[in-house]
């Protein structure tokens, strides 16, 4: 057992160093302005592409159904209020 003691001590020290690094807060890295600009441009481009795509027919159909339902509910409410008066 004593033959492996030095390697065990070495491993324990290494483990402690790693654990200390993992638990300590990370230092902030300096910002790269060029990279930030490129990220911003790519995000804007991706958003514009998605925003310019046509709305799928199934969504427009669902919106149409919702509007019709709201209109019917308003008509029913107005009929009920006039019949109660």
Protein backbone atom coordinates (compact mmCIF):
# COMPACT_ATOMS: atom_id res chain seq x y z
CA UNK A 1 0.00 0.00 0.00
CA UNK A 2 2.80 2.42 0.72
CA UNK A 3 4.08 2.05 -2.83
CA UNK A 4 1.02 3.87 -4.19
CA UNK A 5 0.89 6.59 -1.56
CA UNK A 6 2.79 9.24 -3.59
CA UNK A 7 0.53 8.81 -6.62
CA UNK A 8 -2.55 8.99 -4.40
CA UNK A 9 -1.30 12.24 -2.85
CA UNK A 10 -0.59 13.64 -6.30
CA UNK A 11 -4.07 12.68 -7.48
CA UNK A 12 -5.71 14.25 -4.42
CA UNK A 13 -3.81 17.51 -4.97
CA UNK A 14 -4.79 17.56 -8.63
CA UNK A 15 -8.41 16.85 -7.72
CA UNK A 16 -8.40 19.71 -5.20
CA UNK A 17 -6.99 22.13 -7.80
CA UNK A 18 -9.66 21.15 -10.29
CA UNK A 19 -12.44 21.48 -7.72
CA UNK A 20 -11.13 24.88 -6.66
CA UNK A 21 -11.16 26.06 -10.27
CA UNK A 22 -14.68 24.77 -10.80
CA UNK A 23 -16.11 26.46 -7.72
CA UNK A 24 -14.44 29.85 -8.15
CA UNK A 25 -16.18 32.44 -10.34
CA UNK A 26 -14.85 32.76 -13.87
CA UNK A 27 -12.93 35.86 -14.84
CA UNK A 28 -14.63 37.94 -17.48
CA UNK A 29 -12.99 37.65 -20.87
CA UNK A 30 -12.35 40.83 -22.83
CA UNK A 31 -15.07 41.45 -25.42
CA UNK A 32 -14.20 41.20 -29.07
CA UNK A 33 -16.10 44.04 -30.76
CA UNK A 34 -15.70 42.58 -34.24
CA UNK A 35 -17.17 39.26 -33.10
CA UNK A 36 -20.03 41.06 -31.35
CA UNK A 37 -20.84 42.99 -34.54
CA UNK A 38 -20.80 39.82 -36.63
CA UNK A 39 -23.08 38.03 -34.16
CA UNK A 40 -25.49 40.97 -34.19
CA UNK A 41 -25.55 41.08 -37.99
CA UNK A 42 -26.11 37.34 -38.29
CA UNK A 43 -28.93 37.39 -35.74
CA UNK A 44 -30.62 40.31 -37.51
CA UNK A 45 -30.27 38.57 -40.87
CA UNK A 46 -31.73 35.33 -39.49
CA UNK A 47 -34.64 37.19 -37.87
CA UNK A 48 -35.39 39.11 -41.07
CA UNK A 49 -35.44 35.87 -43.06
CA UNK A 50 -37.91 34.27 -40.67
CA UNK A 51 -40.03 37.42 -40.44
CA UNK A 52 -40.27 37.72 -44.22
CA UNK A 53 -41.51 34.14 -44.70
CA UNK A 54 -45.20 33.84 -45.51
CA UNK A 55 -47.53 32.73 -42.75
CA UNK A 56 -48.57 29.09 -43.27
CA UNK A 57 -52.16 28.55 -44.43
CA UNK A 58 -53.06 26.55 -41.34
CA UNK A 59 -52.20 29.55 -39.13
CA UNK A 60 -54.24 31.97 -41.20
CA UNK A 61 -57.15 29.48 -41.07
CA UNK A 62 -56.85 29.27 -37.28
CA UNK A 63 -56.80 33.06 -36.99
CA UNK A 64 -59.86 33.29 -39.19
CA UNK A 65 -61.68 30.75 -36.99
CA UNK A 66 -60.78 32.68 -33.84
CA UNK A 67 -62.07 35.95 -35.31
CA UNK A 68 -65.32 34.28 -36.36
CA UNK A 69 -65.75 32.80 -32.88
CA UNK A 70 -65.12 36.19 -31.24
CA UNK A 71 -67.64 37.82 -33.58
CA UNK A 72 -70.28 35.19 -32.77
CA UNK A 73 -69.69 35.62 -29.04
CA UNK A 74 -70.07 39.41 -29.33
CA UNK A 75 -73.30 38.99 -31.29
CA UNK A 76 -74.66 36.58 -28.66
CA UNK A 77 -73.72 38.97 -25.85
CA UNK A 78 -75.38 41.92 -27.57
CA UNK A 79 -78.53 39.84 -28.24
CA UNK A 80 -78.64 38.74 -24.59
CA UNK A 81 -78.23 42.31 -23.35
CA UNK A 82 -81.00 43.61 -25.62
CA UNK A 83 -83.34 40.78 -24.65
CA UNK A 84 -82.73 41.43 -20.93
CA UNK A 85 -83.63 45.12 -21.26
